[in-house]
Amino acid sequence: MFDLHDKIAIVTGASQGIGKTIALELSKSGAFVNAITFGRDIVWRSRPKEAKKNPVYLIRRGLIAVSILSILLSITIPSVVKLFYTLGSIIIPGLIIPFINALTRKNNAINSCFSLLWLCVPVAVSLIWYILNKFSIELISNLEPFYPGILTSMIFYLILRLSSKDNRLIYDSMPSE
């Protein structure tokens, strides 16, 4: 195989089959591998059952979506370090507190709608804050998008902790222990 150190490879459909094999071989050759499974992992779940029979169609759709997103991100944030920092500042607030809550194994009967809101609303708040700062609309001077997002996630956590187990907006049923 070739020496691919200091090279970047993007592999689509890397969750299984030949895509997975290609990603592993490129990685063994020293390349930095970005394995994309957007079509198989995300689009797949949103499609009706009959569309799930043809994963190639979904992988193509996922590739188009990821390509457009990648091009937009590379144009707006040309530095890789800044890109990772920005994406982390926007996405992490929606993930960290729900993840820690899941590790505690408390509240295991949380309503799926509440869970989805808890994951998405902090990310949306961080994204809106980022966009406002990009257009020089600073609500609070030099406040990173991470902080409004994590504050929103903490509010969801407090709502969860302070609500009764009978609240059907938050809980599906009584947790079994």
N, C-alpha and C. Protein backbone atom coordinates (compact mmCIF):
# COMPACT_ATOMS: atom_id res chain seq x y z
N MET A 1 0.84 -1.19 0.00
CA MET A 1 0.00 0.00 0.00
C MET A 1 0.88 1.24 0.00
N PHE A 2 0.32 2.37 -0.32
CA PHE A 2 1.04 3.62 -0.41
C PHE A 2 1.24 4.24 0.96
N ASP A 3 2.24 5.13 1.06
CA ASP A 3 2.44 5.90 2.28
C ASP A 3 1.54 7.13 2.20
N LEU A 4 0.56 7.19 3.06
CA LEU A 4 -0.42 8.28 3.01
C LEU A 4 -0.35 9.21 4.21
N HIS A 5 0.80 9.25 4.87
CA HIS A 5 0.94 10.16 6.01
C HIS A 5 0.72 11.59 5.55
N ASP A 6 0.11 12.39 6.39
CA ASP A 6 -0.21 13.79 6.11
C ASP A 6 -1.23 13.95 4.98
N LYS A 7 -1.99 12.90 4.69
CA LYS A 7 -3.06 12.97 3.69
C LYS A 7 -4.40 12.80 4.40
N ILE A 8 -5.42 13.38 3.82
CA ILE A 8 -6.77 13.27 4.38
C ILE A 8 -7.63 12.48 3.41
N ALA A 9 -8.36 11.48 3.92
CA ALA A 9 -9.25 10.68 3.09
C ALA A 9 -10.67 10.78 3.64
N ILE A 10 -11.63 10.99 2.76
CA ILE A 10 -13.04 11.00 3.15
C ILE A 10 -13.66 9.74 2.55
N VAL A 11 -14.21 8.90 3.41
CA VAL A 11 -14.80 7.65 2.97
C VAL A 11 -16.29 7.66 3.31
N THR A 12 -17.11 7.47 2.30
CA THR A 12 -18.56 7.41 2.54
C THR A 12 -19.00 5.96 2.69
N GLY A 13 -20.07 5.75 3.43
CA GLY A 13 -20.57 4.40 3.63
C GLY A 13 -19.62 3.56 4.45
N ALA A 14 -18.93 4.18 5.41
CA ALA A 14 -17.88 3.49 6.15
C ALA A 14 -18.38 2.69 7.34
N SER A 15 -19.68 2.54 7.49
CA SER A 15 -20.18 1.80 8.65
C SER A 15 -20.19 0.30 8.42
N GLN A 16 -20.08 -0.13 7.16
CA GLN A 16 -20.11 -1.57 6.89
C GLN A 16 -19.55 -1.86 5.50
N GLY A 17 -19.30 -3.10 5.23
CA GLY A 17 -18.91 -3.56 3.90
C GLY A 17 -17.62 -2.99 3.39
N ILE A 18 -17.60 -2.70 2.08
CA ILE A 18 -16.37 -2.25 1.44
C ILE A 18 -15.94 -0.87 1.93
N GLY A 19 -16.89 -0.01 2.27
CA GLY A 19 -16.55 1.30 2.81
C GLY A 19 -15.76 1.18 4.10
N LYS A 20 -16.17 0.26 4.96
CA LYS A 20 -15.45 0.03 6.22
C LYS A 20 -14.05 -0.50 5.95
N THR A 21 -13.93 -1.43 5.01
CA THR A 21 -12.63 -1.99 4.66
C THR A 21 -11.70 -0.93 4.10
N ILE A 22 -12.22 -0.09 3.22
CA ILE A 22 -11.41 0.99 2.64
C ILE A 22 -10.94 1.95 3.73
N ALA A 23 -11.83 2.33 4.63
CA ALA A 23 -11.47 3.26 5.71
C ALA A 23 -10.37 2.66 6.58
N LEU A 24 -10.47 1.38 6.91
CA LEU A 24 -9.45 0.73 7.74
C LEU A 24 -8.10 0.66 7.02
N GLU A 25 -8.11 0.33 5.75
CA GLU A 25 -6.85 0.23 4.99
C GLU A 25 -6.19 1.59 4.83
N LEU A 26 -6.97 2.61 4.57
CA LEU A 26 -6.41 3.96 4.47
C LEU A 26 -5.80 4.40 5.80
N SER A 27 -6.49 4.06 6.86
CA SER A 27 -5.98 4.40 8.19
C SER A 27 -4.66 3.69 8.48
N LYS A 28 -4.56 2.41 8.08
CA LYS A 28 -3.32 1.66 8.28
C LYS A 28 -2.17 2.26 7.48
N SER A 29 -2.49 2.92 6.37
CA SER A 29 -1.46 3.53 5.53
C SER A 29 -1.05 4.91 6.02
N GLY A 30 -1.64 5.36 7.12
CA GLY A 30 -1.23 6.61 7.72
C GLY A 30 -2.11 7.80 7.42
N ALA A 31 -3.16 7.63 6.65
CA ALA A 31 -4.03 8.75 6.30
C ALA A 31 -4.94 9.10 7.47
N PHE A 32 -5.31 10.36 7.54
CA PHE A 32 -6.34 10.80 8.47
C PHE A 32 -7.66 10.53 7.79
N VAL A 33 -8.48 9.64 8.36
CA VAL A 33 -9.70 9.20 7.71
C VAL A 33 -10.91 9.85 8.34
N ASN A 34 -11.73 10.45 7.50
CA ASN A 34 -13.02 10.98 7.92
C ASN A 34 -14.07 10.04 7.34
N ALA A 35 -14.63 9.19 8.20
CA ALA A 35 -15.60 8.19 7.75
C ALA A 35 -17.00 8.75 7.87
N ILE A 36 -17.70 8.83 6.77
CA ILE A 36 -19.03 9.42 6.73
C ILE A 36 -20.06 8.31 6.55
N THR A 37 -21.02 8.26 7.47
CA THR A 37 -22.10 7.30 7.35
C THR A 37 -23.44 8.00 7.49
N PHE A 38 -23.49 9.22 7.06
CA PHE A 38 -24.68 10.05 7.21
C PHE A 38 -25.91 9.39 6.59
N GLY A 39 -25.78 8.90 5.37
CA GLY A 39 -26.93 8.30 4.68
C GLY A 39 -27.43 7.06 5.39
N ARG A 40 -26.51 6.22 5.80
CA ARG A 40 -26.88 4.95 6.44
C ARG A 40 -27.38 5.17 7.87
N ASP A 41 -26.78 6.09 8.58
CA ASP A 41 -27.09 6.25 10.00
C ASP A 41 -28.19 7.25 10.29
N ILE A 42 -28.26 8.31 9.53
CA ILE A 42 -29.23 9.37 9.84
C ILE A 42 -30.41 9.34 8.88
N VAL A 43 -30.16 9.42 7.59
CA VAL A 43 -31.24 9.45 6.61
C VAL A 43 -32.04 8.16 6.66
N TRP A 44 -31.35 7.05 6.89
CA TRP A 44 -31.97 5.72 6.94
C TRP A 44 -33.14 5.69 7.93
N ARG A 45 -32.94 6.28 9.09
CA ARG A 45 -33.95 6.21 10.14
C ARG A 45 -35.15 7.12 9.88
N SER A 46 -34.99 8.09 9.02
CA SER A 46 -36.09 9.01 8.76
C SER A 46 -36.94 8.59 7.57
N ARG A 47 -36.55 7.55 6.87
CA ARG A 47 -37.27 7.11 5.67
C ARG A 47 -38.30 6.03 6.01
N PRO A 48 -39.33 5.91 5.19
CA PRO A 48 -40.29 4.82 5.39
C PRO A 48 -39.62 3.45 5.20
N LYS A 49 -40.27 2.42 5.69
CA LYS A 49 -39.70 1.08 5.65
C LYS A 49 -39.34 0.61 4.25
N GLU A 50 -40.15 0.95 3.24
CA GLU A 50 -39.84 0.49 1.89
C GLU A 50 -38.56 1.12 1.34
N ALA A 51 -38.20 2.32 1.80
CA ALA A 51 -36.97 2.97 1.33
C ALA A 51 -35.74 2.34 1.96
N LYS A 52 -35.92 1.64 3.08
CA LYS A 52 -34.78 1.04 3.76
C LYS A 52 -34.23 -0.17 3.00
N LYS A 53 -34.96 -0.66 2.00
CA LYS A 53 -34.49 -1.82 1.24
C LYS A 53 -33.34 -1.46 0.32
N ASN A 54 -33.17 -0.19 -0.04
CA ASN A 54 -32.13 0.23 -0.96
C ASN A 54 -31.20 1.23 -0.26
N PRO A 55 -30.18 0.75 0.45
CA PRO A 55 -29.29 1.67 1.17
C PRO A 55 -28.43 2.53 0.26
N VAL A 56 -28.19 2.10 -0.99
CA VAL A 56 -27.37 2.89 -1.91
C VAL A 56 -28.00 4.25 -2.16
N TYR A 57 -29.31 4.27 -2.36
CA TYR A 57 -30.04 5.52 -2.56
C TYR A 57 -29.83 6.45 -1.36
N LEU A 58 -29.95 5.90 -0.17
CA LEU A 58 -29.80 6.71 1.04
C LEU A 58 -28.37 7.17 1.23
N ILE A 59 -27.41 6.34 0.91
CA ILE A 59 -26.00 6.72 1.04
C ILE A 59 -25.69 7.86 0.07
N ARG A 60 -26.24 7.80 -1.14
CA ARG A 60 -26.04 8.90 -2.10
C ARG A 60 -26.63 10.20 -1.57
N ARG A 61 -27.83 10.12 -1.02
CA ARG A 61 -28.46 11.32 -0.45
C ARG A 61 -27.62 11.87 0.71
N GLY A 62 -27.13 10.97 1.54
CA GLY A 62 -26.28 11.38 2.65
C GLY A 62 -24.99 12.02 2.18
N LEU A 63 -24.41 11.46 1.12
CA LEU A 63 -23.18 12.02 0.55
C LEU A 63 -23.41 13.42 0.02
N ILE A 64 -24.53 13.64 -0.63
CA ILE A 64 -24.86 14.98 -1.14
C ILE A 64 -25.01 15.96 0.02
N ALA A 65 -25.74 15.55 1.05
CA ALA A 65 -25.96 16.44 2.21
C ALA A 65 -24.64 16.77 2.90
N VAL A 66 -23.80 15.77 3.13
CA VAL A 66 -22.53 15.99 3.81
C VAL A 66 -21.59 16.81 2.93
N SER A 67 -21.62 16.60 1.63
CA SER A 67 -20.77 17.38 0.72
C SER A 67 -21.14 18.85 0.76
N ILE A 68 -22.43 19.13 0.70
CA ILE A 68 -22.89 20.53 0.75
C ILE A 68 -22.50 21.16 2.09
N LEU A 69 -22.74 20.43 3.18
CA LEU A 69 -22.38 20.94 4.50
C LEU A 69 -20.87 21.17 4.61
N SER A 70 -20.07 20.24 4.10
CA SER A 70 -18.61 20.38 4.15
C SER A 70 -18.13 21.58 3.36
N ILE A 71 -18.69 21.79 2.19
CA ILE A 71 -18.29 22.94 1.37
C ILE A 71 -18.66 24.24 2.06
N LEU A 72 -19.87 24.31 2.60
CA LEU A 72 -20.29 25.53 3.31
C LEU A 72 -19.40 25.81 4.52
N LEU A 73 -19.08 24.75 5.28
CA LEU A 73 -18.22 24.93 6.45
C LEU A 73 -16.81 25.35 6.05
N SER A 74 -16.27 24.76 4.99
CA SER A 74 -14.91 25.11 4.58
C SER A 74 -14.83 26.53 4.03
N ILE A 75 -15.91 27.02 3.45
CA ILE A 75 -15.93 28.39 2.95
C ILE A 75 -16.05 29.38 4.11
N THR A 76 -16.94 29.08 5.06
CA THR A 76 -17.17 30.03 6.15
C THR A 76 -16.11 29.96 7.25
N ILE A 77 -15.53 28.77 7.45
CA ILE A 77 -14.51 28.62 8.50
C ILE A 77 -13.31 27.88 7.89
N PRO A 78 -12.39 28.60 7.25
CA PRO A 78 -11.32 27.95 6.51
C PRO A 78 -10.25 27.26 7.39
N SER A 79 -10.10 27.65 8.63
CA SER A 79 -9.11 27.03 9.52
C SER A 79 -9.70 25.77 10.16
N VAL A 80 -8.97 24.66 10.08
CA VAL A 80 -9.45 23.40 10.66
C VAL A 80 -9.58 23.51 12.17
N VAL A 81 -8.64 24.15 12.81
CA VAL A 81 -8.68 24.32 14.26
C VAL A 81 -9.90 25.14 14.65
N LYS A 82 -10.12 26.23 13.95
CA LYS A 82 -11.28 27.09 14.22
C LYS A 82 -12.59 26.34 13.93
N LEU A 83 -12.57 25.50 12.89
CA LEU A 83 -13.75 24.70 12.56
C LEU A 83 -14.12 23.76 13.69
N PHE A 84 -13.13 23.00 14.21
CA PHE A 84 -13.40 22.08 15.31
C PHE A 84 -13.83 22.84 16.57
N TYR A 85 -13.19 23.97 16.82
CA TYR A 85 -13.54 24.78 17.98
C TYR A 85 -14.98 25.29 17.86
N THR A 86 -15.34 25.79 16.69
CA THR A 86 -16.68 26.33 16.47
C THR A 86 -17.74 25.24 16.57
N LEU A 87 -17.52 24.12 15.89
CA LEU A 87 -18.48 23.02 15.94
C LEU A 87 -18.64 22.49 17.37
N GLY A 88 -17.52 22.39 18.08
CA GLY A 88 -17.59 21.96 19.48
C GLY A 88 -18.37 22.93 20.34
N SER A 89 -18.16 24.22 20.12
CA SER A 89 -18.88 25.25 20.89
C SER A 89 -20.37 25.22 20.63
N ILE A 90 -20.76 24.77 19.45
CA ILE A 90 -22.18 24.74 19.09
C ILE A 90 -22.83 23.42 19.48
N ILE A 91 -22.16 22.30 19.27
CA ILE A 91 -22.77 20.98 19.43
C ILE A 91 -22.66 20.42 20.85
N ILE A 92 -21.54 20.63 21.51
CA ILE A 92 -21.31 20.04 22.83
C ILE A 92 -22.35 20.42 23.87
N PRO A 93 -22.85 21.67 23.92
CA PRO A 93 -23.86 21.99 24.94
C PRO A 93 -25.11 21.11 24.87
N GLY A 94 -25.48 20.66 23.69
CA GLY A 94 -26.65 19.79 23.56
C GLY A 94 -26.38 18.34 23.91
N LEU A 95 -25.12 17.97 24.06
CA LEU A 95 -24.78 16.57 24.29
C LEU A 95 -24.27 16.26 25.69
N ILE A 96 -23.52 17.17 26.28
CA ILE A 96 -22.76 16.82 27.49
C ILE A 96 -23.65 16.55 28.70
N ILE A 97 -24.61 17.39 29.00
CA ILE A 97 -25.45 17.17 30.19
C ILE A 97 -26.41 16.00 30.00
N PRO A 98 -27.06 15.86 28.83
CA PRO A 98 -27.86 14.63 28.64
C PRO A 98 -27.02 13.36 28.72
N PHE A 99 -25.79 13.41 28.22
CA PHE A 99 -24.90 12.25 28.30
C PHE A 99 -24.56 11.92 29.75
N ILE A 100 -24.20 12.92 30.52
CA ILE A 100 -23.89 12.70 31.94
C ILE A 100 -25.12 12.19 32.67
N ASN A 101 -26.29 12.74 32.36
CA ASN A 101 -27.53 12.27 32.97
C ASN A 101 -27.78 10.80 32.62
N ALA A 102 -27.51 10.42 31.38
CA ALA A 102 -27.70 9.02 30.98
C ALA A 102 -26.75 8.09 31.72
N LEU A 103 -25.57 8.57 32.05
CA LEU A 103 -24.61 7.74 32.78
C LEU A 103 -25.06 7.46 34.21
N THR A 104 -25.85 8.36 34.77
CA THR A 104 -26.30 8.17 36.15
C THR A 104 -27.41 7.14 36.25
N ARG A 105 -28.01 6.80 35.12
CA ARG A 105 -29.11 5.83 35.04
C ARG A 105 -30.34 6.25 35.84
N LYS A 106 -30.46 7.51 36.08
CA LYS A 106 -31.67 8.05 36.68
C LYS A 106 -32.56 8.54 35.56
N ASN A 107 -33.82 8.69 35.82
CA ASN A 107 -34.76 9.22 34.83
C ASN A 107 -34.77 8.39 33.55
N ASN A 108 -34.77 7.06 33.69
CA ASN A 108 -34.70 6.21 32.51
C ASN A 108 -36.00 6.12 31.73
N ALA A 109 -37.03 6.79 32.15
CA ALA A 109 -38.30 6.76 31.42
C ALA A 109 -38.63 8.14 30.85
N ILE A 110 -37.60 8.87 30.45
CA ILE A 110 -37.80 10.22 29.91
C ILE A 110 -38.52 10.11 28.56
N ASN A 111 -39.50 10.96 28.38
CA ASN A 111 -40.27 11.04 27.15
C ASN A 111 -39.33 11.35 25.98
N SER A 112 -39.52 10.68 24.84
CA SER A 112 -38.64 10.86 23.70
C SER A 112 -38.72 12.29 23.14
N CYS A 113 -39.87 12.91 23.23
CA CYS A 113 -40.02 14.30 22.77
C CYS A 113 -39.19 15.24 23.64
N PHE A 114 -39.25 15.05 24.96
CA PHE A 114 -38.44 15.86 25.87
C PHE A 114 -36.96 15.64 25.61
N SER A 115 -36.57 14.38 25.40
CA SER A 115 -35.16 14.07 25.12
C SER A 115 -34.69 14.76 23.84
N LEU A 116 -35.51 14.72 22.81
CA LEU A 116 -35.15 15.34 21.54
C LEU A 116 -35.01 16.86 21.71
N LEU A 117 -35.94 17.45 22.43
CA LEU A 117 -35.84 18.89 22.69
C LEU A 117 -34.59 19.22 23.50
N TRP A 118 -34.27 18.36 24.48
CA TRP A 118 -33.10 18.59 25.33
C TRP A 118 -31.81 18.50 24.50
N LEU A 119 -31.79 17.70 23.49
CA LEU A 119 -30.61 17.60 22.63
C LEU A 119 -30.55 18.73 21.61
N CYS A 120 -31.68 19.15 21.07
CA CYS A 120 -31.71 20.09 19.95
C CYS A 120 -31.76 21.56 20.35
N VAL A 121 -32.52 21.89 21.38
CA VAL A 121 -32.69 23.30 21.75
C VAL A 121 -31.36 23.95 22.17
N PRO A 122 -30.54 23.32 23.03
CA PRO A 122 -29.26 23.96 23.35
C PRO A 122 -28.35 24.16 22.13
N VAL A 123 -28.37 23.21 21.20
CA VAL A 123 -27.59 23.36 19.97
C VAL A 123 -28.13 24.53 19.15
N ALA A 124 -29.45 24.64 19.05
CA ALA A 124 -30.06 25.75 18.32
C ALA A 124 -29.72 27.09 18.97
N VAL A 125 -29.76 27.15 20.30
CA VAL A 125 -29.41 28.38 21.01
C VAL A 125 -27.96 28.76 20.73
N SER A 126 -27.05 27.77 20.80
CA SER A 126 -25.64 28.04 20.52
C SER A 126 -25.44 28.49 19.08
N LEU A 127 -26.14 27.85 18.14
CA LEU A 127 -26.02 28.21 16.73
C LEU A 127 -26.54 29.63 16.49
N ILE A 128 -27.66 29.97 17.07
CA ILE A 128 -28.21 31.33 16.92
C ILE A 128 -27.24 32.35 17.51
N TRP A 129 -26.68 32.03 18.67
CA TRP A 129 -25.71 32.93 19.32
C TRP A 129 -24.49 33.12 18.41
N TYR A 130 -24.02 32.02 17.81
CA TYR A 130 -22.87 32.09 16.89
C TYR A 130 -23.20 32.98 15.69
N ILE A 131 -24.38 32.79 15.11
CA ILE A 131 -24.77 33.58 13.94
C ILE A 131 -24.90 35.06 14.30
N LEU A 132 -25.49 35.33 15.46
CA LEU A 132 -25.61 36.73 15.90
C LEU A 132 -24.22 37.36 16.06
N ASN A 133 -23.28 36.62 16.64
CA ASN A 133 -21.92 37.14 16.79
C ASN A 133 -21.24 37.33 15.45
N LYS A 134 -21.52 36.45 14.48
CA LYS A 134 -20.94 36.58 13.14
C LYS A 134 -21.37 37.87 12.46
N PHE A 135 -22.61 38.29 12.72
CA PHE A 135 -23.13 39.52 12.13
C PHE A 135 -22.95 40.71 13.07
N SER A 136 -22.04 40.58 14.02
CA SER A 136 -21.69 41.65 14.96
C SER A 136 -22.87 42.13 15.79
N ILE A 137 -23.80 41.23 16.08
CA ILE A 137 -24.91 41.55 16.98
C ILE A 137 -24.57 40.86 18.30
N GLU A 138 -23.84 41.55 19.14
CA GLU A 138 -23.38 40.96 20.39
C GLU A 138 -24.35 41.32 21.51
N LEU A 139 -25.04 40.30 22.02
CA LEU A 139 -25.95 40.53 23.12
C LEU A 139 -25.17 40.76 24.41
N ILE A 140 -24.17 39.94 24.64
CA ILE A 140 -23.23 40.10 25.75
C ILE A 140 -21.86 40.02 25.13
N SER A 141 -21.04 41.02 25.29
CA SER A 141 -19.77 41.14 24.61
C SER A 141 -18.87 39.92 24.84
N ASN A 142 -18.36 39.37 23.75
CA ASN A 142 -17.38 38.28 23.74
C ASN A 142 -17.81 37.02 24.46
N LEU A 143 -19.07 36.73 24.52
CA LEU A 143 -19.55 35.50 25.14
C LEU A 143 -19.62 34.42 24.07
N GLU A 144 -18.87 33.34 24.29
CA GLU A 144 -18.83 32.24 23.34
C GLU A 144 -20.20 31.56 23.24
N PRO A 145 -20.53 30.96 22.09
CA PRO A 145 -21.83 30.29 21.91
C PRO A 145 -22.03 29.10 22.85
N PHE A 146 -20.95 28.54 23.34
CA PHE A 146 -21.03 27.40 24.25
C PHE A 146 -21.86 27.73 25.49
N TYR A 147 -21.65 28.92 26.06
CA TYR A 147 -22.26 29.26 27.34
C TYR A 147 -23.79 29.42 27.30
N PRO A 148 -24.37 30.12 26.34
CA PRO A 148 -25.84 30.13 26.29
C PRO A 148 -26.42 28.74 26.05
N GLY A 149 -25.72 27.92 25.24
CA GLY A 149 -26.20 26.56 24.98
C GLY A 149 -26.15 25.69 26.21
N ILE A 150 -25.06 25.76 26.96
CA ILE A 150 -24.93 24.92 28.17
C ILE A 150 -25.90 25.41 29.24
N LEU A 151 -26.15 26.71 29.31
CA LEU A 151 -27.15 27.24 30.25
C LEU A 151 -28.54 26.71 29.89
N THR A 152 -28.86 26.66 28.61
CA THR A 152 -30.14 26.11 28.17
C THR A 152 -30.25 24.64 28.54
N SER A 153 -29.17 23.89 28.35
CA SER A 153 -29.16 22.46 28.70
C SER A 153 -29.33 22.27 30.21
N MET A 154 -28.73 23.15 31.00
CA MET A 154 -28.89 23.09 32.46
C MET A 154 -30.34 23.37 32.87
N ILE A 155 -30.99 24.27 32.16
CA ILE A 155 -32.40 24.56 32.45
C ILE A 155 -33.24 23.32 32.18
N PHE A 156 -32.98 22.62 31.07
CA PHE A 156 -33.68 21.36 30.80
C PHE A 156 -33.43 20.34 31.90
N TYR A 157 -32.19 20.28 32.38
CA TYR A 157 -31.86 19.34 33.45
C TYR A 157 -32.63 19.68 34.73
N LEU A 158 -32.70 20.98 35.06
CA LEU A 158 -33.44 21.40 36.24
C LEU A 158 -34.93 21.09 36.10
N ILE A 159 -35.48 21.30 34.92
CA ILE A 159 -36.89 20.95 34.68
C ILE A 159 -37.10 19.47 34.92
N LEU A 160 -36.18 18.68 34.42
CA LEU A 160 -36.26 17.22 34.59
C LEU A 160 -36.19 16.83 36.06
N ARG A 161 -35.24 17.38 36.76
CA ARG A 161 -35.04 17.01 38.18
C ARG A 161 -36.15 17.52 39.08
N LEU A 162 -36.73 18.66 38.76
CA LEU A 162 -37.73 19.25 39.64
C LEU A 162 -39.16 18.81 39.31
N SER A 163 -39.35 18.15 38.19
CA SER A 163 -40.71 17.72 37.84
C SER A 163 -41.05 16.39 38.51
N SER A 164 -42.33 16.20 38.73
CA SER A 164 -42.76 14.95 39.36
C SER A 164 -42.72 13.82 38.34
N LYS A 165 -42.63 12.60 38.82
CA LYS A 165 -42.59 11.43 37.94
C LYS A 165 -43.92 11.21 37.21
N ASP A 166 -44.97 11.90 37.64
CA ASP A 166 -46.28 11.78 37.00
C ASP A 166 -46.46 12.73 35.81
N ASN A 167 -45.50 13.61 35.61
CA ASN A 167 -45.60 14.59 34.53
C ASN A 167 -45.41 13.89 33.19
N ARG A 168 -46.48 13.77 32.41
CA ARG A 168 -46.46 13.04 31.14
C ARG A 168 -45.75 13.82 30.02
N LEU A 169 -45.52 15.11 30.22
CA LEU A 169 -44.75 15.87 29.23
C LEU A 169 -43.27 15.52 29.26
N ILE A 170 -42.83 14.98 30.41
CA ILE A 170 -41.42 14.66 30.57
C ILE A 170 -41.19 13.16 30.65
N TYR A 171 -42.07 12.44 31.33
CA TYR A 171 -41.89 11.00 31.53
C TYR A 171 -42.94 10.20 30.78
N ASP A 172 -42.51 9.08 30.19
CA ASP A 172 -43.45 8.16 29.52
C ASP A 172 -44.23 7.36 30.54
N SER A 173 -43.50 6.77 31.45
CA SER A 173 -44.14 5.95 32.48
C SER A 173 -43.23 5.93 33.70
N MET A 174 -43.70 5.30 34.74
CA MET A 174 -42.88 5.21 35.94
C MET A 174 -41.65 4.36 35.65
N PRO A 175 -40.46 4.83 36.06
CA PRO A 175 -39.26 4.03 35.82
C PRO A 175 -39.28 2.74 36.62
N SER A 176 -38.83 1.68 35.99
CA SER A 176 -38.76 0.39 36.68
C SER A 176 -37.37 0.20 37.26
N GLU A 177 -37.33 -0.15 38.55
CA GLU A 177 -36.03 -0.35 39.19
C GLU A 177 -35.97 -1.69 39.84
